[in-house]
Amino acid sequence: MTEPQPGHLSHELRLCAATGALSAGIAVALGAFGAHSLRAILSPEMTGAFETGVRYQMFHAAGMIATGIGGLVLGGSARRFLLAGWAFLAGSILFSGSLYLIAFSGAGWVGAITPMGGVLFMGGWVVLANAILHRRAV
């Protein structure tokens, strides 16, 4: 059995997982909105951008849930798990958020922000892998 995380880190790991669950719920709502309402008002290209944002938000919401639960269950470096989770959140805000803005406003300049979110996504997965590999022995 793994040792429990110190109190404040345990709370932060639960907060990370809960934030991921909320982000997933928001992605479901946005996806439903997009499927039922946006096709009539957005071009196919802008609808595609919106759908990509929703898809990546959902993937990384699941990643946040995994980082929170993984940090609690696997033990090891809670800070590494948290860093991965918060990278997923920041990536979602920048990547998916910029795609939502592009879809609704058509402001192409916002696309310069999108790759920054992608870098945060990739970094989060690398940090998560590192956290899993460097956990305490059971």
Protein backbone atom coordinates (compact mmCIF):
# COMPACT_ATOMS: atom_id res chain seq x y z
CA MET A 1 0.00 0.00 0.00
CA THR A 2 1.29 3.46 -0.80
CA GLU A 3 1.73 6.16 1.76
CA PRO A 4 -0.93 8.86 1.66
CA GLN A 5 0.14 12.23 0.32
CA PRO A 6 0.63 15.04 2.86
CA GLY A 7 -2.62 16.87 3.62
CA HIS A 8 -2.24 19.95 1.41
CA LEU A 9 -0.96 17.92 -1.56
CA SER A 10 -3.77 15.40 -1.15
CA HIS A 11 -6.24 18.28 -1.27
CA GLU A 12 -4.56 19.74 -4.37
CA LEU A 13 -4.63 16.34 -6.12
CA ARG A 14 -8.37 16.01 -5.39
CA LEU A 15 -8.88 19.58 -6.63
CA CYS A 16 -7.04 18.72 -9.84
CA ALA A 17 -9.27 15.67 -10.44
CA ALA A 18 -12.42 17.65 -9.60
CA THR A 19 -11.37 20.47 -11.95
CA GLY A 20 -10.89 17.85 -14.66
CA ALA A 21 -14.37 16.51 -14.02
CA LEU A 22 -15.83 20.02 -14.31
CA SER A 23 -13.88 20.62 -17.51
CA ALA A 24 -15.24 17.35 -18.92
CA GLY A 25 -18.79 18.43 -18.06
CA ILE A 26 -18.22 21.75 -19.80
CA ALA A 27 -16.85 19.91 -22.85
CA VAL A 28 -19.98 17.74 -22.99
CA ALA A 29 -22.20 20.83 -22.81
CA LEU A 30 -20.17 22.63 -25.48
CA GLY A 31 -20.20 19.55 -27.69
CA ALA A 32 -23.98 19.26 -27.41
CA PHE A 33 -24.35 22.97 -28.12
CA GLY A 34 -22.09 22.63 -31.14
CA ALA A 35 -23.89 19.58 -32.49
CA HIS A 36 -27.35 21.10 -32.15
CA SER A 37 -26.90 24.83 -32.65
CA LEU A 38 -23.65 25.83 -34.32
CA ARG A 39 -23.92 24.03 -37.64
CA ALA A 40 -26.61 26.50 -38.69
CA ILE A 41 -24.53 29.60 -37.89
CA LEU A 42 -20.88 28.63 -38.45
CA SER A 43 -19.07 27.64 -41.60
CA PRO A 44 -17.90 24.01 -41.81
CA GLU A 45 -14.32 25.19 -41.20
CA MET A 46 -15.27 27.10 -38.04
CA THR A 47 -17.47 24.23 -36.85
CA GLY A 48 -14.44 21.96 -37.29
CA ALA A 49 -12.28 24.30 -35.21
CA PHE A 50 -14.92 24.34 -32.47
CA GLU A 51 -15.20 20.54 -32.50
CA THR A 52 -11.41 20.18 -32.27
CA GLY A 53 -11.42 22.45 -29.22
CA VAL A 54 -14.13 20.36 -27.55
CA ARG A 55 -12.34 17.09 -28.35
CA TYR A 56 -9.01 18.25 -26.93
CA GLN A 57 -10.69 19.77 -23.89
CA MET A 58 -12.29 16.39 -23.17
CA PHE A 59 -9.04 14.45 -23.67
CA HIS A 60 -7.21 16.70 -21.27
CA ALA A 61 -10.03 16.85 -18.75
CA ALA A 62 -9.63 13.06 -18.56
CA GLY A 63 -5.90 13.63 -18.18
CA MET A 64 -6.52 15.95 -15.24
CA ILE A 65 -8.73 13.37 -13.58
CA ALA A 66 -6.00 10.77 -14.13
CA THR A 67 -3.30 13.00 -12.68
CA GLY A 68 -5.30 13.70 -9.54
CA ILE A 69 -6.28 10.12 -8.95
CA GLY A 70 -2.88 8.81 -10.04
CA GLY A 71 -1.11 11.05 -7.57
CA LEU A 72 -3.36 9.87 -4.76
CA VAL A 73 -3.23 6.16 -5.62
CA LEU A 74 0.28 5.65 -6.98
CA GLY A 75 2.11 7.86 -4.55
CA GLY A 76 5.44 9.28 -5.59
CA SER A 77 5.90 12.91 -6.45
CA ALA A 78 2.56 14.62 -5.98
CA ARG A 79 4.12 17.79 -7.33
CA ARG A 80 4.90 16.07 -10.65
CA PHE A 81 1.33 14.80 -10.91
CA LEU A 82 0.03 18.27 -10.10
CA LEU A 83 2.32 19.93 -12.62
CA ALA A 84 0.97 17.61 -15.32
CA GLY A 85 -2.63 18.32 -14.33
CA TRP A 86 -2.23 22.07 -14.27
CA ALA A 87 -0.37 21.93 -17.62
CA PHE A 88 -3.45 20.17 -19.01
CA LEU A 89 -5.71 22.90 -17.61
CA ALA A 90 -3.57 25.75 -18.94
CA GLY A 91 -3.30 23.94 -22.26
CA SER A 92 -7.07 23.58 -22.42
CA ILE A 93 -7.57 27.26 -21.76
CA LEU A 94 -5.06 28.30 -24.41
CA PHE A 95 -5.64 25.60 -27.04
CA SER A 96 -9.37 24.97 -26.80
CA GLY A 97 -10.18 28.51 -25.71
CA SER A 98 -8.38 29.97 -28.70
CA LEU A 99 -10.22 27.61 -31.05
CA TYR A 100 -13.56 28.63 -29.50
CA LEU A 101 -12.65 32.30 -30.01
CA ILE A 102 -11.62 31.69 -33.61
CA ALA A 103 -14.85 29.80 -34.31
CA PHE A 104 -17.07 32.53 -32.89
CA SER A 105 -15.16 35.66 -33.85
CA GLY A 106 -13.22 34.61 -36.92
CA ALA A 107 -10.22 36.45 -35.43
CA GLY A 108 -7.42 34.52 -37.08
CA TRP A 109 -4.73 36.25 -35.01
CA VAL A 110 -5.96 34.24 -31.99
CA GLY A 111 -4.54 31.18 -33.76
CA ALA A 112 -1.08 32.30 -32.63
CA ILE A 113 -2.07 31.26 -29.10
CA THR A 114 -3.22 27.76 -30.05
CA PRO A 115 0.27 26.17 -30.37
CA MET A 116 1.18 27.37 -26.88
CA GLY A 117 -1.67 25.28 -25.54
CA GLY A 118 -0.46 22.33 -27.60
CA VAL A 119 3.01 22.64 -26.08
CA LEU A 120 1.46 22.63 -22.61
CA PHE A 121 -0.52 19.49 -23.53
CA MET A 122 2.62 17.69 -24.70
CA GLY A 123 4.59 18.83 -21.69
CA GLY A 124 1.84 17.64 -19.37
CA TRP A 125 1.93 14.14 -20.85
CA VAL A 126 5.73 13.99 -20.51
CA VAL A 127 5.54 15.14 -16.89
CA LEU A 128 2.75 12.63 -16.18
CA ALA A 129 4.86 9.81 -17.62
CA ASN A 130 7.76 10.98 -15.46
CA ALA A 131 5.54 11.07 -12.37
CA ILE A 132 4.32 7.53 -13.00
CA LEU A 133 7.84 6.18 -13.61
CA HIS A 134 9.26 7.88 -10.50
CA ARG A 135 6.61 6.84 -8.02
CA ARG A 136 7.52 5.22 -4.71
CA ALA A 137 7.87 1.47 -4.65
CA VAL A 138 4.77 -0.29 -3.35
